[in-house]
C-alpha atoms as a PDB file:
ATOM      1  CA  MET A   1       0.000   0.000   0.000  1.00  0.00           C
ATOM      2  CA  GLY A   2       2.808   2.399   0.883  1.00  0.00           C
ATOM      3  CA  ILE A   3       4.680   1.773  -2.343  1.00  0.00           C
ATOM      4  CA  SER A   4       1.611   2.186  -4.544  1.00  0.00           C
ATOM      5  CA  SER A   5       0.416   5.342  -2.791  1.00  0.00           C
ATOM      6  CA  SER A   6       3.854   6.933  -2.997  1.00  0.00           C
ATOM      7  CA  GLY A   7       3.061   7.411  -6.680  1.00  0.00           C
ATOM      8  CA  SER A   8       0.819  10.328  -5.755  1.00  0.00           C
ATOM      9  CA  GLY A   9       3.854  12.005  -4.179  1.00  0.00           C
ATOM     10  CA  VAL A  10       5.916  11.448  -7.317  1.00  0.00           C
ATOM     11  CA  GLY A  11       3.065  12.794  -9.462  1.00  0.00           C
ATOM     12  CA  GLY A  12       2.681  15.808  -7.197  1.00  0.00           C
ATOM     13  CA  LEU A  13       6.412  16.437  -7.404  1.00  0.00           C
ATOM     14  CA  LEU A  14       6.297  16.452 -11.205  1.00  0.00           C
ATOM     15  CA  PHE A  15       3.123  18.536 -11.342  1.00  0.00           C
ATOM     16  CA  SER A  16       4.507  21.141  -8.922  1.00  0.00           C
ATOM     17  CA  PHE A  17       7.419  21.980 -11.182  1.00  0.00           C
ATOM     18  CA  GLY A  18       5.566  21.367 -14.443  1.00  0.00           C
ATOM     19  CA  ILE A  19       2.565  23.546 -13.706  1.00  0.00           C
ATOM     20  CA  GLN A  20       4.685  26.466 -12.511  1.00  0.00           C
ATOM     21  CA  ALA A  21       6.752  26.230 -15.704  1.00  0.00           C
ATOM     22  CA  MET A  22       3.556  26.163 -17.793  1.00  0.00           C
ATOM     23  CA  ILE A  23       2.153  29.197 -15.952  1.00  0.00           C
ATOM     24  CA  ASP A  24       5.401  31.081 -16.558  1.00  0.00           C
ATOM     25  CA  SER A  25       5.652  30.189 -20.261  1.00  0.00           C
ATOM     26  CA  LEU A  26       1.989  29.877 -21.355  1.00  0.00           C
ATOM     27  CA  SER A  27      -0.698  31.261 -19.060  1.00  0.00           C
ATOM     28  CA  LEU A  28      -2.756  30.236 -16.061  1.00  0.00           C
ATOM     29  CA  ALA A  29      -5.745  29.347 -18.263  1.00  0.00           C
ATOM     30  CA  TRP A  30      -3.708  27.081 -20.570  1.00  0.00           C
ATOM     31  CA  SER A  31      -1.974  25.497 -17.593  1.00  0.00           C
ATOM     32  CA  PHE A  32      -5.385  24.538 -16.195  1.00  0.00           C
ATOM     33  CA  ARG A  33      -6.474  23.179 -19.574  1.00  0.00           C
ATOM     34  CA  ILE A  34      -3.335  21.077 -20.013  1.00  0.00           C
ATOM     35  CA  THR A  35      -3.575  19.767 -16.462  1.00  0.00           C
ATOM     36  CA  ALA A  36      -7.238  18.862 -17.007  1.00  0.00           C
ATOM     37  CA  ILE A  37      -6.400  17.013 -20.220  1.00  0.00           C
ATOM     38  CA  ILE A  38      -3.572  15.054 -18.554  1.00  0.00           C
ATOM     39  CA  CYS A  39      -5.755  14.138 -15.564  1.00  0.00           C
ATOM     40  CA  GLY A  40      -8.698  13.255 -17.792  1.00  0.00           C
ATOM     41  CA  VAL A  41      -6.633  10.949 -19.993  1.00  0.00           C
ATOM     42  CA  MET A  42      -5.047   9.231 -16.974  1.00  0.00           C
ATOM     43  CA  ASN A  43      -8.461   8.736 -15.341  1.00  0.00           C
ATOM     44  CA  LEU A  44      -9.892   7.298 -18.555  1.00  0.00           C
ATOM     45  CA  LEU A  45      -6.966   4.871 -18.760  1.00  0.00           C
ATOM     46  CA  ALA A  46      -7.517   3.824 -15.150  1.00  0.00           C
ATOM     47  CA  VAL A  47     -11.237   3.268 -15.777  1.00  0.00           C
ATOM     48  CA  ALA A  48     -10.461   1.261 -18.913  1.00  0.00           C
ATOM     49  CA  PHE A  49      -8.217  -1.135 -16.992  1.00  0.00           C
ATOM     50  CA  ILE A  50     -10.213  -1.536 -13.774  1.00  0.00           C
ATOM     51  CA  ARG A  51     -11.836  -4.916 -13.264  1.00  0.00           C
ATOM     52  CA  ASN A  52     -14.553  -6.019 -10.857  1.00  0.00           C
ATOM     53  CA  ARG A  53     -13.274  -8.883  -8.742  1.00  0.00           C
ATOM     54  CA  ASN A  54     -16.392  -9.304  -6.591  1.00  0.00           C
ATOM     55  CA  ALA A  55     -17.919 -11.875  -8.945  1.00  0.00           C
ATOM     56  CA  GLU A  56     -14.873 -14.120  -8.462  1.00  0.00           C
ATOM     57  CA  ILE A  57     -14.181 -13.725  -4.738  1.00  0.00           C
ATOM     58  CA  LYS A  58     -17.806 -13.211  -3.581  1.00  0.00           C
ATOM     59  CA  PRO A  59     -17.110 -11.014  -0.529  1.00  0.00           C
ATOM     60  CA  PRO A  60     -19.463 -11.545   2.438  1.00  0.00           C
ATOM     61  CA  GLN A  61     -19.709  -7.852   3.365  1.00  0.00           C
ATOM     62  CA  LEU A  62     -21.775  -5.177   1.695  1.00  0.00           C
ATOM     63  CA  GLY A  63     -20.160  -2.326  -0.206  1.00  0.00           C
ATOM     64  CA  PHE A  64     -21.687   0.189   2.199  1.00  0.00           C
ATOM     65  CA  ASP A  65     -23.217  -1.178   5.385  1.00  0.00           C
ATOM     66  CA  THR A  66     -25.046   1.570   7.300  1.00  0.00           C
ATOM     67  CA  LYS A  67     -25.081  -0.546  10.480  1.00  0.00           C
ATOM     68  CA  LEU A  68     -21.355   0.111  10.795  1.00  0.00           C
ATOM     69  CA  LEU A  69     -22.055   3.820  11.356  1.00  0.00           C
ATOM     70  CA  ARG A  70     -23.573   2.974  14.759  1.00  0.00           C
ATOM     71  CA  ARG A  71     -20.330   1.465  16.017  1.00  0.00           C
ATOM     72  CA  TYR A  72     -18.216   3.765  18.172  1.00  0.00           C
ATOM     73  CA  ASN A  73     -14.876   2.592  16.768  1.00  0.00           C
ATOM     74  CA  VAL A  74     -16.062   3.137  13.188  1.00  0.00           C
ATOM     75  CA  PHE A  75     -17.249   6.633  14.110  1.00  0.00           C
ATOM     76  CA  LEU A  76     -13.842   7.392  15.655  1.00  0.00           C
ATOM     77  CA  LEU A  77     -12.049   6.116  12.541  1.00  0.00           C
ATOM     78  CA  LEU A  78     -14.248   8.265  10.295  1.00  0.00           C
ATOM     79  CA  ALA A  79     -13.765  11.338  12.501  1.00  0.00           C
ATOM     80  CA  TRP A  80      -9.982  10.849  12.546  1.00  0.00           C
ATOM     81  CA  GLY A  81      -9.986  10.315   8.773  1.00  0.00           C
ATOM     82  CA  PHE A  82     -12.030  13.472   8.190  1.00  0.00           C
ATOM     83  CA  LEU A  83      -9.834  15.640  10.416  1.00  0.00           C
ATOM     84  CA  SER A  84      -6.649  14.057   9.095  1.00  0.00           C
ATOM     85  CA  MET A  85      -7.633  14.667   5.473  1.00  0.00           C
ATOM     86  CA  LEU A  86      -8.803  18.201   6.295  1.00  0.00           C
ATOM     87  CA  GLY A  87      -5.354  18.941   7.691  1.00  0.00           C
ATOM     88  CA  TYR A  88      -3.648  17.256   4.727  1.00  0.00           C
ATOM     89  CA  ILE A  89      -5.622  19.203   2.120  1.00  0.00           C
ATOM     90  CA  THR A  90      -5.189  22.458   4.049  1.00  0.00           C
ATOM     91  CA  LEU A  91      -1.444  21.919   4.203  1.00  0.00           C
ATOM     92  CA  LEU A  92      -1.171  20.846   0.584  1.00  0.00           C
ATOM     93  CA  TYR A  93      -2.964  23.906  -0.752  1.00  0.00           C
ATOM     94  CA  SER A  94      -1.801  26.465   1.840  1.00  0.00           C
ATOM     95  CA  LEU A  95       1.928  25.842   1.810  1.00  0.00           C
ATOM     96  CA  PRO A  96       2.665  27.542  -1.557  1.00  0.00           C
ATOM     97  CA  ASP A  97       0.611  30.610  -0.547  1.00  0.00           C
ATOM     98  CA  PHE A  98       2.317  30.657   2.839  1.00  0.00           C
ATOM     99  CA  SER A  99       5.675  30.576   1.052  1.00  0.00           C
ATOM    100  CA  GLY A 100       4.661  33.636  -0.911  1.00  0.00           C
ATOM    101  CA  SER A 101       3.523  35.391   2.263  1.00  0.00           C
ATOM    102  CA  ILE A 102       6.996  35.104   3.819  1.00  0.00           C
ATOM    103  CA  GLY A 103       8.583  36.649   0.745  1.00  0.00           C
ATOM    104  CA  LEU A 104       9.582  33.635  -1.326  1.00  0.00           C
ATOM    105  CA  SER A 105       9.338  33.776  -5.118  1.00  0.00           C
ATOM    106  CA  LYS A 106       6.768  31.822  -7.145  1.00  0.00           C
ATOM    107  CA  THR A 107       9.482  29.381  -8.187  1.00  0.00           C
ATOM    108  CA  GLN A 108      10.475  28.800  -4.559  1.00  0.00           C
ATOM    109  CA  ALA A 109       6.809  28.376  -3.569  1.00  0.00           C
ATOM    110  CA  ALA A 110       6.394  25.733  -6.288  1.00  0.00           C
ATOM    111  CA  ALA A 111       9.545  24.050  -4.997  1.00  0.00           C
ATOM    112  CA  ILE A 112       8.114  24.001  -1.462  1.00  0.00           C
ATOM    113  CA  SER A 113       5.036  22.229  -2.823  1.00  0.00           C
ATOM    114  CA  ALA A 114       7.318  19.811  -4.658  1.00  0.00           C
ATOM    115  CA  TYR A 115       9.281  19.109  -1.468  1.00  0.00           C
ATOM    116  CA  LEU A 116       6.022  18.317   0.324  1.00  0.00           C
ATOM    117  CA  ASN A 117       5.225  15.780  -2.390  1.00  0.00           C
ATOM    118  CA  LEU A 118       8.772  14.416  -2.234  1.00  0.00           C
ATOM    119  CA  GLY A 119       8.262  13.859   1.488  1.00  0.00           C
ATOM    120  CA  THR A 120       5.025  12.040   0.685  1.00  0.00           C
ATOM    121  CA  ALA A 121       6.754   9.812  -1.871  1.00  0.00           C
ATOM    122  CA  ILE A 122       9.427   8.866   0.666  1.00  0.00           C
ATOM    123  CA  GLY A 123       7.241   8.766   3.763  1.00  0.00           C
ATOM    124  CA  ARG A 124       4.355   6.594   2.615  1.00  0.00           C
ATOM    125  CA  PRO A 125       6.371   3.412   1.973  1.00  0.00           C
ATOM    126  CA  ALA A 126       8.262   3.984   5.234  1.00  0.00           C
ATOM    127  CA  ILE A 127       5.001   4.449   7.160  1.00  0.00           C
ATOM    128  CA  GLY A 128       3.620   1.263   5.627  1.00  0.00           C
ATOM    129  CA  PHE A 129       6.707  -0.681   6.645  1.00  0.00           C
ATOM    130  CA  VAL A 130       6.789   0.725  10.190  1.00  0.00           C
ATOM    131  CA  SER A 131       3.047   0.209  10.707  1.00  0.00           C
ATOM    132  CA  ASP A 132       3.417  -3.424   9.651  1.00  0.00           C
ATOM    133  CA  LYS A 133       6.023  -3.863  12.384  1.00  0.00           C
ATOM    134  CA  LEU A 134       4.635  -1.662  15.185  1.00  0.00           C
ATOM    135  CA  GLY A 135       0.891  -1.593  14.539  1.00  0.00           C
ATOM    136  CA  ARG A 136      -1.336   0.692  12.514  1.00  0.00           C
ATOM    137  CA  ILE A 137      -3.089   2.462  15.383  1.00  0.00           C
ATOM    138  CA  GLU A 138       0.141   3.178  17.250  1.00  0.00           C
ATOM    139  CA  VAL A 139       1.890   4.558  14.171  1.00  0.00           C
ATOM    140  CA  ALA A 140      -1.166   6.620  13.201  1.00  0.00           C
ATOM    141  CA  GLY A 141      -1.409   8.192  16.633  1.00  0.00           C
ATOM    142  CA  VAL A 142       2.271   9.036  16.922  1.00  0.00           C
ATOM    143  CA  LEU A 143       2.585  10.436  13.391  1.00  0.00           C
ATOM    144  CA  THR A 144      -0.626  12.452  13.559  1.00  0.00           C
ATOM    145  CA  CYS A 145       0.621  14.017  16.795  1.00  0.00           C
ATOM    146  CA  PHE A 146       4.073  14.577  15.268  1.00  0.00           C
ATOM    147  CA  CYS A 147       2.585  16.378  12.269  1.00  0.00           C
ATOM    148  CA  GLY A 148       0.529  18.632  14.536  1.00  0.00           C
ATOM    149  CA  VAL A 149       3.583  19.467  16.619  1.00  0.00           C
ATOM    150  CA  THR A 150       5.658  20.290  13.527  1.00  0.00           C
ATOM    151  CA  CYS A 151       2.937  22.689  12.371  1.00  0.00           C
ATOM    152  CA  PHE A 152       3.272  24.646  15.608  1.00  0.00           C
ATOM    153  CA  ALA A 153       7.022  24.223  16.085  1.00  0.00           C
ATOM    154  CA  ILE A 154       8.275  24.706  12.510  1.00  0.00           C
ATOM    155  CA  TRP A 155       5.563  26.011  10.159  1.00  0.00           C
ATOM    156  CA  ILE A 156       4.200  28.914  12.195  1.00  0.00           C
ATOM    157  CA  PRO A 157       7.618  30.396  13.067  1.00  0.00           C
ATOM    158  CA  ALA A 158       9.083  29.698   9.577  1.00  0.00           C
ATOM    159  CA  LYS A 159      10.447  32.863   7.965  1.00  0.00           C
ATOM    160  CA  ASP A 160      12.897  31.620   5.335  1.00  0.00           C
ATOM    161  CA  TYR A 161      13.266  29.146   2.490  1.00  0.00           C
ATOM    162  CA  ALA A 162      15.394  26.554   4.307  1.00  0.00           C
ATOM    163  CA  VAL A 163      12.997  26.211   7.240  1.00  0.00           C
ATOM    164  CA  ALA A 164      10.058  25.945   4.833  1.00  0.00           C
ATOM    165  CA  ILE A 165      11.850  23.134   2.977  1.00  0.00           C
ATOM    166  CA  VAL A 166      12.501  21.237   6.217  1.00  0.00           C
ATOM    167  CA  PHE A 167       8.865  21.602   7.227  1.00  0.00           C
ATOM    168  CA  ALA A 168       7.596  20.573   3.781  1.00  0.00           C
ATOM    169  CA  ILE A 169       9.673  17.381   3.732  1.00  0.00           C
ATOM    170  CA  LEU A 170       8.916  16.423   7.348  1.00  0.00           C
ATOM    171  CA  SER A 171       5.206  17.099   7.138  1.00  0.00           C
ATOM    172  CA  GLY A 172       4.998  15.572   3.669  1.00  0.00           C
ATOM    173  CA  ALA A 173       6.513  12.376   5.014  1.00  0.00           C
ATOM    174  CA  VAL A 174       3.765  11.977   7.619  1.00  0.00           C
ATOM    175  CA  VAL A 175       0.615  13.679   6.273  1.00  0.00           C
ATOM    176  CA  GLY A 176      -0.375  10.618   4.291  1.00  0.00           C
ATOM    177  CA  VAL A 177      -0.518   8.414   7.373  1.00  0.00           C
ATOM    178  CA  PHE A 178      -4.281   7.968   6.901  1.00  0.00           C
ATOM    179  CA  TRP A 179      -3.787   6.120   3.619  1.00  0.00           C
ATOM    180  CA  MET A 180      -1.247   3.759   5.144  1.00  0.00           C
ATOM    181  CA  VAL A 181      -2.900   2.779   8.400  1.00  0.00           C
ATOM    182  CA  SER A 182      -6.634   2.869   7.741  1.00  0.00           C
ATOM    183  CA  PRO A 183      -8.118  -0.582   7.200  1.00  0.00           C
END
């Protein structure tokens, strides 16, 4: 799971540099169009190759069982997932703007976003490996707490490029913990 989901970090790394280069050389509108075409083609390819395995393995559980929503542990997992993903998305989309707010150039802000994705590409396989050894819940708790602490200890006081890079790589390495440890 960690190895396969690290591909999103690699893709984000490439897109961070590629989109900024397209904005600089073409325009924002054409950059959006090109990005939409690339994403659309990739999604169509994925849909073309997906296969339904339920007919062969005949799983006993339903695709969406509403009775599970009454279980306390399922509610806690969903709440943690919601808050974890809210923090991840906020970080992913706020970090380049934050970089601009502390005086970094657009190229440096794109690089900060790329470093976050690099951290994701490196961190997700490592999280998967560690959670296999130490337990998913334990790893999720420690890394979620660690990411929150780094936001307060590194991100808020960050004023220069080097500190922003350190924060982007560290937080990028752990923000995807939800994808690695959720069942």
